[in-house]
Amino acid sequence: MNDSSILAVDGVSKTFAGANGGTLALQATDLRVAENDFITILGPSGCGKSTLLRMVAGLDTPSTGTIALDGRPVTGPGADRGMVFQSYTLFPWLTVLQNVCFGLREKGMALAQQQDVARQFIAKVGLAGFENHFPKQLSGGMQQRTALARALANAPRILLMDEPFGALDHQTRELMQELLQGIWESEQKTVLFVTHDIDEAIFMGSRVVVMTARPGRIKCDLPVPIAHPRHYAMKTTPVFMELKARLTEEIRVEVQKASGLVH
């Protein structure tokens, strides 16, 4: 691993068991993620984006290859990786505060300290005043902000996000993108973010990784040459439009391959 990389993915592939030798979901893939990188992963449905993320999270095991975080092999889930899914994975019987405290409690942190840390991140995601609400009392966007606060409260080395805003309406999604960008800039987190939305990939990412149709592999890895802090006016700039046109074509070709229209 080079000095600036905290995550190293080397020759990682995934075959799911089944008839005729199973299904190859992900071809041998290499990826380097540096400290404070925000890498967005784009690709057609079923290309292995989420599979790759789940292997980094330690939720799935690679068929070949190795994954290391800070030089240590990933062999299962760990507090050094914070995961946010598309579905709202909150505990319905716990309040916002209790949900955000959950990982801190598992670490053995004293209750007063748990609550102090949790309240800081609840405020950071704009939910101060909702500490005692249960998930069913929250909108989808508020539930996802709670899930983000819970992941951040654990102080993970890397944040893994699997289409976290995919179930939200358009306006809420844009608000969440801006919120996460602001948190990323202030907290200096490293993020690996799976999305199928090209605008989102460019707006959020410092690099956009495009994957091929299944069995997936990395087709291209493009830097996003747009300064921070970012705001929505950048979506009309020539740099944004040019990168969007390039990515749209890259994805279009892969979707056609996946549908069998071209080979």
C-alpha atoms as a PDB file:
ATOM      1  CA  MET A   1       0.000   0.000   0.000  1.00  0.00           C
ATOM      2  CA  ASN A   2       1.380   3.434  -0.805  1.00  0.00           C
ATOM      3  CA  ASP A   3       1.739   5.898   2.062  1.00  0.00           C
ATOM      4  CA  SER A   4      -1.316   7.986   1.211  1.00  0.00           C
ATOM      5  CA  SER A   5      -3.742   5.042   0.883  1.00  0.00           C
ATOM      6  CA  ILE A   6      -5.699   3.856   3.886  1.00  0.00           C
ATOM      7  CA  LEU A   7      -7.758   1.268   1.955  1.00  0.00           C
ATOM      8  CA  ALA A   8      -6.185  -1.246  -0.433  1.00  0.00           C
ATOM      9  CA  VAL A   9      -8.318  -3.613  -2.536  1.00  0.00           C
ATOM     10  CA  ASP A  10      -6.077  -6.088  -4.405  1.00  0.00           C
ATOM     11  CA  GLY A  11      -7.336  -8.639  -6.931  1.00  0.00           C
ATOM     12  CA  VAL A  12     -10.701  -8.938  -5.193  1.00  0.00           C
ATOM     13  CA  SER A  13     -13.378 -10.941  -6.983  1.00  0.00           C
ATOM     14  CA  LYS A  14     -16.676 -12.473  -5.874  1.00  0.00           C
ATOM     15  CA  THR A  15     -18.452 -15.567  -7.156  1.00  0.00           C
ATOM     16  CA  PHE A  16     -21.797 -16.460  -5.619  1.00  0.00           C
ATOM     17  CA  ALA A  17     -22.479 -20.185  -5.269  1.00  0.00           C
ATOM     18  CA  GLY A  18     -24.963 -21.771  -7.642  1.00  0.00           C
ATOM     19  CA  ALA A  19     -25.383 -24.163 -10.558  1.00  0.00           C
ATOM     20  CA  ASN A  20     -22.691 -24.420 -13.268  1.00  0.00           C
ATOM     21  CA  GLY A  21     -19.936 -22.988 -11.100  1.00  0.00           C
ATOM     22  CA  GLY A  22     -22.019 -20.155  -9.652  1.00  0.00           C
ATOM     23  CA  THR A  23     -22.281 -16.516 -10.710  1.00  0.00           C
ATOM     24  CA  LEU A  24     -19.260 -14.260 -11.086  1.00  0.00           C
ATOM     25  CA  ALA A  25     -20.497 -10.921  -9.715  1.00  0.00           C
ATOM     26  CA  LEU A  26     -17.195  -9.061  -9.573  1.00  0.00           C
ATOM     27  CA  GLN A  27     -14.035  -9.621 -11.607  1.00  0.00           C
ATOM     28  CA  ALA A  28     -10.608  -9.221  -9.999  1.00  0.00           C
ATOM     29  CA  THR A  29     -10.593  -5.575  -8.910  1.00  0.00           C
ATOM     30  CA  ASP A  30      -7.909  -3.249  -7.541  1.00  0.00           C
ATOM     31  CA  LEU A  31      -8.711   0.035  -5.809  1.00  0.00           C
ATOM     32  CA  ARG A  32      -6.775   2.502  -3.678  1.00  0.00           C
ATOM     33  CA  VAL A  33      -8.499   4.976  -1.377  1.00  0.00           C
ATOM     34  CA  ALA A  34      -6.437   7.782   0.171  1.00  0.00           C
ATOM     35  CA  GLU A  35      -7.055   9.599   3.431  1.00  0.00           C
ATOM     36  CA  ASN A  36      -9.973  12.088   3.073  1.00  0.00           C
ATOM     37  CA  ASP A  37     -10.901  10.780  -0.397  1.00  0.00           C
ATOM     38  CA  PHE A  38     -14.598  10.869  -1.291  1.00  0.00           C
ATOM     39  CA  ILE A  39     -14.923   8.173  -3.945  1.00  0.00           C
ATOM     40  CA  THR A  40     -18.252   7.619  -5.665  1.00  0.00           C
ATOM     41  CA  ILE A  41     -18.890   4.323  -7.468  1.00  0.00           C
ATOM     42  CA  LEU A  42     -21.204   4.306 -10.499  1.00  0.00           C
ATOM     43  CA  GLY A  43     -22.368   1.433 -12.663  1.00  0.00           C
ATOM     44  CA  PRO A  44     -25.430  -0.353 -14.083  1.00  0.00           C
ATOM     45  CA  SER A  45     -27.656  -2.422 -11.796  1.00  0.00           C
ATOM     46  CA  GLY A  46     -26.106  -5.736 -10.804  1.00  0.00           C
ATOM     47  CA  CYS A  47     -22.544  -4.698 -11.684  1.00  0.00           C
ATOM     48  CA  GLY A  48     -21.105  -5.537  -8.258  1.00  0.00           C
ATOM     49  CA  LYS A  49     -21.007  -2.020  -6.717  1.00  0.00           C
ATOM     50  CA  SER A  50     -22.773  -3.077  -3.532  1.00  0.00           C
ATOM     51  CA  THR A  51     -20.922  -6.406  -3.467  1.00  0.00           C
ATOM     52  CA  LEU A  52     -17.595  -4.560  -3.448  1.00  0.00           C
ATOM     53  CA  LEU A  53     -18.804  -2.255  -0.659  1.00  0.00           C
ATOM     54  CA  ARG A  54     -20.095  -5.192   1.417  1.00  0.00           C
ATOM     55  CA  MET A  55     -16.716  -6.918   1.126  1.00  0.00           C
ATOM     56  CA  VAL A  56     -14.931  -3.765   2.320  1.00  0.00           C
ATOM     57  CA  ALA A  57     -17.447  -3.682   5.201  1.00  0.00           C
ATOM     58  CA  GLY A  58     -16.592  -7.299   6.016  1.00  0.00           C
ATOM     59  CA  LEU A  59     -20.200  -8.424   5.435  1.00  0.00           C
ATOM     60  CA  ASP A  60     -19.207 -10.629   2.453  1.00  0.00           C
ATOM     61  CA  THR A  61     -15.964 -12.539   1.910  1.00  0.00           C
ATOM     62  CA  PRO A  62     -13.952 -12.151  -1.334  1.00  0.00           C
ATOM     63  CA  SER A  63     -13.588 -15.266  -3.491  1.00  0.00           C
ATOM     64  CA  THR A  64     -10.084 -14.093  -4.413  1.00  0.00           C
ATOM     65  CA  GLY A  65      -7.827 -11.235  -3.384  1.00  0.00           C
ATOM     66  CA  THR A  66      -7.337  -9.191  -0.241  1.00  0.00           C
ATOM     67  CA  ILE A  67      -8.747  -6.033   1.369  1.00  0.00           C
ATOM     68  CA  ALA A  68      -6.728  -4.092   3.929  1.00  0.00           C
ATOM     69  CA  LEU A  69      -7.575  -0.993   5.964  1.00  0.00           C
ATOM     70  CA  ASP A  70      -4.558   0.801   7.430  1.00  0.00           C
ATOM     71  CA  GLY A  71      -2.509  -2.252   6.468  1.00  0.00           C
ATOM     72  CA  ARG A  72      -4.689  -4.663   8.481  1.00  0.00           C
ATOM     73  CA  PRO A  73      -6.623  -7.374   6.594  1.00  0.00           C
ATOM     74  CA  VAL A  74     -10.411  -7.033   6.607  1.00  0.00           C
ATOM     75  CA  THR A  75     -11.786 -10.348   7.912  1.00  0.00           C
ATOM     76  CA  GLY A  76     -15.216  -9.240   9.146  1.00  0.00           C
ATOM     77  CA  PRO A  77     -17.225  -6.214  10.261  1.00  0.00           C
ATOM     78  CA  GLY A  78     -15.495  -3.687  12.532  1.00  0.00           C
ATOM     79  CA  ALA A  79     -16.000  -0.318  14.210  1.00  0.00           C
ATOM     80  CA  ASP A  80     -13.282   1.120  11.930  1.00  0.00           C
ATOM     81  CA  ARG A  81     -15.841   1.040   9.090  1.00  0.00           C
ATOM     82  CA  GLY A  82     -19.155   2.902   9.379  1.00  0.00           C
ATOM     83  CA  MET A  83     -21.932   1.618   7.082  1.00  0.00           C
ATOM     84  CA  VAL A  84     -25.021   3.513   5.913  1.00  0.00           C
ATOM     85  CA  PHE A  85     -27.514   1.604   3.740  1.00  0.00           C
ATOM     86  CA  GLN A  86     -30.356   2.743   1.483  1.00  0.00           C
ATOM     87  CA  SER A  87     -32.924   1.254   3.860  1.00  0.00           C
ATOM     88  CA  TYR A  88     -33.247   2.933   7.225  1.00  0.00           C
ATOM     89  CA  THR A  89     -31.451   0.473   9.491  1.00  0.00           C
ATOM     90  CA  LEU A  90     -32.455   2.073  12.787  1.00  0.00           C
ATOM     91  CA  PHE A  91     -33.693   0.073  15.762  1.00  0.00           C
ATOM     92  CA  PRO A  92     -37.411   0.974  15.895  1.00  0.00           C
ATOM     93  CA  TRP A  93     -37.633   0.431  19.676  1.00  0.00           C
ATOM     94  CA  LEU A  94     -34.807   2.920  20.394  1.00  0.00           C
ATOM     95  CA  THR A  95     -34.997   6.723  20.355  1.00  0.00           C
ATOM     96  CA  VAL A  96     -32.767   8.853  18.114  1.00  0.00           C
ATOM     97  CA  LEU A  97     -30.349   9.357  21.022  1.00  0.00           C
ATOM     98  CA  GLN A  98     -30.322   5.643  21.893  1.00  0.00           C
ATOM     99  CA  ASN A  99     -29.782   4.680  18.250  1.00  0.00           C
ATOM    100  CA  VAL A 100     -26.793   7.011  17.924  1.00  0.00           C
ATOM    101  CA  CYS A 101     -25.395   5.774  21.257  1.00  0.00           C
ATOM    102  CA  PHE A 102     -25.665   2.114  20.232  1.00  0.00           C
ATOM    103  CA  GLY A 103     -22.147   1.611  18.843  1.00  0.00           C
ATOM    104  CA  LEU A 104     -20.613   3.678  21.637  1.00  0.00           C
ATOM    105  CA  ARG A 105     -22.344   1.468  24.217  1.00  0.00           C
ATOM    106  CA  GLU A 106     -20.994  -1.635  22.437  1.00  0.00           C
ATOM    107  CA  LYS A 107     -17.492  -0.149  22.811  1.00  0.00           C
ATOM    108  CA  GLY A 108     -18.030   0.103  26.567  1.00  0.00           C
ATOM    109  CA  MET A 109     -18.098   3.900  26.723  1.00  0.00           C
ATOM    110  CA  ALA A 110     -19.601   5.425  29.901  1.00  0.00           C
ATOM    111  CA  LEU A 111     -23.234   6.511  29.481  1.00  0.00           C
ATOM    112  CA  ALA A 112     -22.610  10.237  30.068  1.00  0.00           C
ATOM    113  CA  GLN A 113     -19.820  10.247  27.473  1.00  0.00           C
ATOM    114  CA  GLN A 114     -21.962   8.245  25.007  1.00  0.00           C
ATOM    115  CA  GLN A 115     -24.726  10.808  25.264  1.00  0.00           C
ATOM    116  CA  ASP A 116     -22.329  13.746  24.959  1.00  0.00           C
ATOM    117  CA  VAL A 117     -20.787  12.350  21.745  1.00  0.00           C
ATOM    118  CA  ALA A 118     -24.195  11.331  20.361  1.00  0.00           C
ATOM    119  CA  ARG A 119     -25.700  14.784  20.985  1.00  0.00           C
ATOM    120  CA  GLN A 120     -22.794  16.415  19.135  1.00  0.00           C
ATOM    121  CA  PHE A 121     -23.482  14.351  16.003  1.00  0.00           C
ATOM    122  CA  ILE A 122     -27.266  14.649  16.313  1.00  0.00           C
ATOM    123  CA  ALA A 123     -26.765  18.429  16.243  1.00  0.00           C
ATOM    124  CA  LYS A 124     -24.320  18.126  13.334  1.00  0.00           C
ATOM    125  CA  VAL A 125     -26.986  16.393  11.183  1.00  0.00           C
ATOM    126  CA  GLY A 126     -29.599  18.996  12.175  1.00  0.00           C
ATOM    127  CA  LEU A 127     -31.692  16.882  14.549  1.00  0.00           C
ATOM    128  CA  ALA A 128     -31.158  18.718  17.854  1.00  0.00           C
ATOM    129  CA  GLY A 129     -34.520  18.603  19.640  1.00  0.00           C
ATOM    130  CA  PHE A 130     -35.433  15.175  18.223  1.00  0.00           C
ATOM    131  CA  GLU A 131     -33.265  13.107  20.611  1.00  0.00           C
ATOM    132  CA  ASN A 132     -36.272  11.427  22.259  1.00  0.00           C
ATOM    133  CA  HIS A 133     -38.219  10.695  19.063  1.00  0.00           C
ATOM    134  CA  PHE A 134     -38.603   7.141  17.796  1.00  0.00           C
ATOM    135  CA  PRO A 135     -37.876   6.281  14.128  1.00  0.00           C
ATOM    136  CA  LYS A 136     -41.601   5.924  13.291  1.00  0.00           C
ATOM    137  CA  GLN A 137     -42.038   9.593  14.294  1.00  0.00           C
ATOM    138  CA  LEU A 138     -39.417  10.749  11.753  1.00  0.00           C
ATOM    139  CA  SER A 139     -39.518  11.380   8.007  1.00  0.00           C
ATOM    140  CA  GLY A 140     -37.301   9.282   5.721  1.00  0.00           C
ATOM    141  CA  GLY A 141     -34.710  12.035   5.480  1.00  0.00           C
ATOM    142  CA  MET A 142     -34.604  12.407   9.271  1.00  0.00           C
ATOM    143  CA  GLN A 143     -34.197   8.660   9.709  1.00  0.00           C
ATOM    144  CA  GLN A 144     -31.283   8.687   7.288  1.00  0.00           C
ATOM    145  CA  ARG A 145     -29.723  11.639   9.114  1.00  0.00           C
ATOM    146  CA  THR A 146     -29.983   9.598  12.324  1.00  0.00           C
ATOM    147  CA  ALA A 147     -28.270   6.645  10.601  1.00  0.00           C
ATOM    148  CA  LEU A 148     -25.506   9.003   9.421  1.00  0.00           C
ATOM    149  CA  ALA A 149     -25.059  10.424  12.947  1.00  0.00           C
ATOM    150  CA  ARG A 150     -24.849   6.875  14.344  1.00  0.00           C
ATOM    151  CA  ALA A 151     -22.153   5.902  11.818  1.00  0.00           C
ATOM    152  CA  LEU A 152     -20.136   9.089  12.435  1.00  0.00           C
ATOM    153  CA  ALA A 153     -20.377   8.888  16.240  1.00  0.00           C
ATOM    154  CA  ASN A 154     -18.253   5.714  16.160  1.00  0.00           C
ATOM    155  CA  ALA A 155     -15.382   7.731  14.584  1.00  0.00           C
ATOM    156  CA  PRO A 156     -14.799   5.194  11.779  1.00  0.00           C
ATOM    157  CA  ARG A 157     -11.677   5.381   9.610  1.00  0.00           C
ATOM    158  CA  ILE A 158     -13.872   5.100   6.517  1.00  0.00           C
ATOM    159  CA  LEU A 159     -17.573   5.665   5.875  1.00  0.00           C
ATOM    160  CA  LEU A 160     -19.221   3.152   3.509  1.00  0.00           C
ATOM    161  CA  MET A 161     -22.471   4.329   1.943  1.00  0.00           C
ATOM    162  CA  ASP A 162     -24.673   2.115  -0.259  1.00  0.00           C
ATOM    163  CA  GLU A 163     -27.108   4.361  -2.191  1.00  0.00           C
ATOM    164  CA  PRO A 164     -27.944   6.067   1.118  1.00  0.00           C
ATOM    165  CA  PHE A 165     -30.231   8.683  -0.456  1.00  0.00           C
ATOM    166  CA  GLY A 166     -31.837   6.401  -3.049  1.00  0.00           C
ATOM    167  CA  ALA A 167     -35.189   6.096  -1.242  1.00  0.00           C
ATOM    168  CA  LEU A 168     -35.590   9.841  -0.632  1.00  0.00           C
ATOM    169  CA  ASP A 169     -37.576  12.327  -2.699  1.00  0.00           C
ATOM    170  CA  HIS A 170     -35.588  14.639  -4.965  1.00  0.00           C
ATOM    171  CA  GLN A 171     -35.566  17.715  -2.713  1.00  0.00           C
ATOM    172  CA  THR A 172     -34.690  15.755   0.439  1.00  0.00           C
ATOM    173  CA  ARG A 173     -31.973  13.951  -1.480  1.00  0.00           C
ATOM    174  CA  GLU A 174     -30.345  17.233  -2.527  1.00  0.00           C
ATOM    175  CA  LEU A 175     -30.492  18.518   1.062  1.00  0.00           C
ATOM    176  CA  MET A 176     -28.851  15.292   2.278  1.00  0.00           C
ATOM    177  CA  GLN A 177     -26.113  15.589  -0.357  1.00  0.00           C
ATOM    178  CA  GLU A 178     -25.292  19.114   0.818  1.00  0.00           C
ATOM    179  CA  LEU A 179     -25.408  18.028   4.470  1.00  0.00           C
ATOM    180  CA  LEU A 180     -23.012  15.123   3.850  1.00  0.00           C
ATOM    181  CA  GLN A 181     -20.662  17.333   1.820  1.00  0.00           C
ATOM    182  CA  GLY A 182     -20.515  19.811   4.705  1.00  0.00           C
ATOM    183  CA  ILE A 183     -19.848  17.052   7.240  1.00  0.00           C
ATOM    184  CA  TRP A 184     -17.174  15.523   5.009  1.00  0.00           C
ATOM    185  CA  GLU A 185     -15.426  18.882   4.707  1.00  0.00           C
ATOM    186  CA  SER A 186     -15.540  19.564   8.476  1.00  0.00           C
ATOM    187  CA  GLU A 187     -14.856  16.026   9.757  1.00  0.00           C
ATOM    188  CA  GLN A 188     -12.210  15.121   7.130  1.00  0.00           C
ATOM    189  CA  LYS A 189     -13.696  11.639   6.719  1.00  0.00           C
ATOM    190  CA  THR A 190     -12.791   9.116   4.034  1.00  0.00           C
ATOM    191  CA  VAL A 191     -15.899   7.989   2.124  1.00  0.00           C
ATOM    192  CA  LEU A 192     -16.727   5.195  -0.337  1.00  0.00           C
ATOM    193  CA  PHE A 193     -20.179   5.989  -1.762  1.00  0.00           C
ATOM    194  CA  VAL A 194     -22.205   3.771  -4.129  1.00  0.00           C
ATOM    195  CA  THR A 195     -24.814   5.485  -6.306  1.00  0.00           C
ATOM    196  CA  HIS A 196     -26.572   5.050  -9.662  1.00  0.00           C
ATOM    197  CA  ASP A 197     -27.141   8.811  -9.987  1.00  0.00           C
ATOM    198  CA  ILE A 198     -24.546  10.552 -12.184  1.00  0.00           C
ATOM    199  CA  ASP A 199     -25.235  14.077 -10.871  1.00  0.00           C
ATOM    200  CA  GLU A 200     -24.886  12.787  -7.315  1.00  0.00           C
ATOM    201  CA  ALA A 201     -21.638  10.979  -8.135  1.00  0.00           C
ATOM    202  CA  ILE A 202     -20.054  14.165  -9.524  1.00  0.00           C
ATOM    203  CA  PHE A 203     -21.446  16.525  -6.886  1.00  0.00           C
ATOM    204  CA  MET A 204     -20.313  14.322  -3.989  1.00  0.00           C
ATOM    205  CA  GLY A 205     -17.086  12.795  -5.265  1.00  0.00           C
ATOM    206  CA  SER A 206     -13.452  13.780  -5.430  1.00  0.00           C
ATOM    207  CA  ARG A 207     -13.129  10.755  -7.766  1.00  0.00           C
ATOM    208  CA  VAL A 208     -15.788   8.845  -9.721  1.00  0.00           C
ATOM    209  CA  VAL A 209     -15.150   5.146 -10.308  1.00  0.00           C
ATOM    210  CA  VAL A 210     -17.234   3.612 -13.132  1.00  0.00           C
ATOM    211  CA  MET A 211     -17.876  -0.133 -13.182  1.00  0.00           C
ATOM    212  CA  THR A 212     -18.737  -2.314 -16.152  1.00  0.00           C
ATOM    213  CA  ALA A 213     -21.816  -4.479 -16.545  1.00  0.00           C
ATOM    214  CA  ARG A 214     -21.697  -7.794 -14.667  1.00  0.00           C
ATOM    215  CA  PRO A 215     -19.323  -9.346 -14.021  1.00  0.00           C
ATOM    216  CA  GLY A 216     -18.189  -5.944 -12.827  1.00  0.00           C
ATOM    217  CA  ARG A 217     -14.721  -4.479 -13.012  1.00  0.00           C
ATOM    218  CA  ILE A 218     -13.453  -0.907 -12.792  1.00  0.00           C
ATOM    219  CA  LYS A 219     -13.737   0.628 -16.262  1.00  0.00           C
ATOM    220  CA  CYS A 220     -12.432   4.115 -15.441  1.00  0.00           C
ATOM    221  CA  ASP A 221     -11.485   6.211 -12.433  1.00  0.00           C
ATOM    222  CA  LEU A 222     -11.949   9.938 -13.057  1.00  0.00           C
ATOM    223  CA  PRO A 223     -11.003  12.877 -10.822  1.00  0.00           C
ATOM    224  CA  VAL A 224     -13.641  15.572 -10.236  1.00  0.00           C
ATOM    225  CA  PRO A 225     -11.774  18.875 -10.785  1.00  0.00           C
ATOM    226  CA  ILE A 226     -14.260  21.040  -8.871  1.00  0.00           C
ATOM    227  CA  ALA A 227     -13.245  22.989  -5.760  1.00  0.00           C
ATOM    228  CA  HIS A 228     -14.823  22.873  -2.315  1.00  0.00           C
ATOM    229  CA  PRO A 229     -17.075  23.950  -0.773  1.00  0.00           C
ATOM    230  CA  ARG A 230     -19.556  22.843  -3.432  1.00  0.00           C
ATOM    231  CA  HIS A 231     -23.048  24.149  -4.057  1.00  0.00           C
ATOM    232  CA  TYR A 232     -25.750  23.405  -6.598  1.00  0.00           C
ATOM    233  CA  ALA A 233     -24.832  26.257  -8.968  1.00  0.00           C
ATOM    234  CA  MET A 234     -21.820  24.124 -10.004  1.00  0.00           C
ATOM    235  CA  LYS A 235     -24.199  21.761 -11.840  1.00  0.00           C
ATOM    236  CA  THR A 236     -24.515  24.326 -14.638  1.00  0.00           C
ATOM    237  CA  THR A 237     -20.762  24.864 -15.072  1.00  0.00           C
ATOM    238  CA  PRO A 238     -18.933  23.625 -18.198  1.00  0.00           C
ATOM    239  CA  VAL A 239     -16.647  21.384 -16.112  1.00  0.00           C
ATOM    240  CA  PHE A 240     -19.640  19.637 -14.511  1.00  0.00           C
ATOM    241  CA  MET A 241     -21.515  19.279 -17.809  1.00  0.00           C
ATOM    242  CA  GLU A 242     -18.473  17.897 -19.602  1.00  0.00           C
ATOM    243  CA  LEU A 243     -17.843  15.279 -16.914  1.00  0.00           C
ATOM    244  CA  LYS A 244     -21.541  14.379 -16.832  1.00  0.00           C
ATOM    245  CA  ALA A 245     -21.574  13.848 -20.620  1.00  0.00           C
ATOM    246  CA  ARG A 246     -18.508  11.566 -20.368  1.00  0.00           C
ATOM    247  CA  LEU A 247     -19.961   9.519 -17.496  1.00  0.00           C
ATOM    248  CA  THR A 248     -23.400   9.303 -19.129  1.00  0.00           C
ATOM    249  CA  GLU A 249     -21.824   7.747 -22.234  1.00  0.00           C
ATOM    250  CA  GLU A 250     -19.667   5.348 -20.171  1.00  0.00           C
ATOM    251  CA  ILE A 251     -22.741   4.153 -18.248  1.00  0.00           C
ATOM    252  CA  ARG A 252     -24.974   4.018 -21.355  1.00  0.00           C
ATOM    253  CA  VAL A 253     -22.606   1.579 -23.054  1.00  0.00           C
ATOM    254  CA  GLU A 254     -22.566  -0.660 -19.969  1.00  0.00           C
ATOM    255  CA  VAL A 255     -26.366  -0.606 -19.601  1.00  0.00           C
ATOM    256  CA  GLN A 256     -26.666  -1.637 -23.260  1.00  0.00           C
ATOM    257  CA  LYS A 257     -24.241  -4.519 -22.646  1.00  0.00           C
ATOM    258  CA  ALA A 258     -26.181  -5.586 -19.550  1.00  0.00           C
ATOM    259  CA  SER A 259     -29.428  -5.608 -21.555  1.00  0.00           C
ATOM    260  CA  GLY A 260     -27.850  -7.628 -24.372  1.00  0.00           C
ATOM    261  CA  LEU A 261     -28.298  -4.857 -26.953  1.00  0.00           C
ATOM    262  CA  VAL A 262     -24.549  -4.642 -27.703  1.00  0.00           C
ATOM    263  CA  HIS A 263     -21.617  -6.974 -27.087  1.00  0.00           C
END
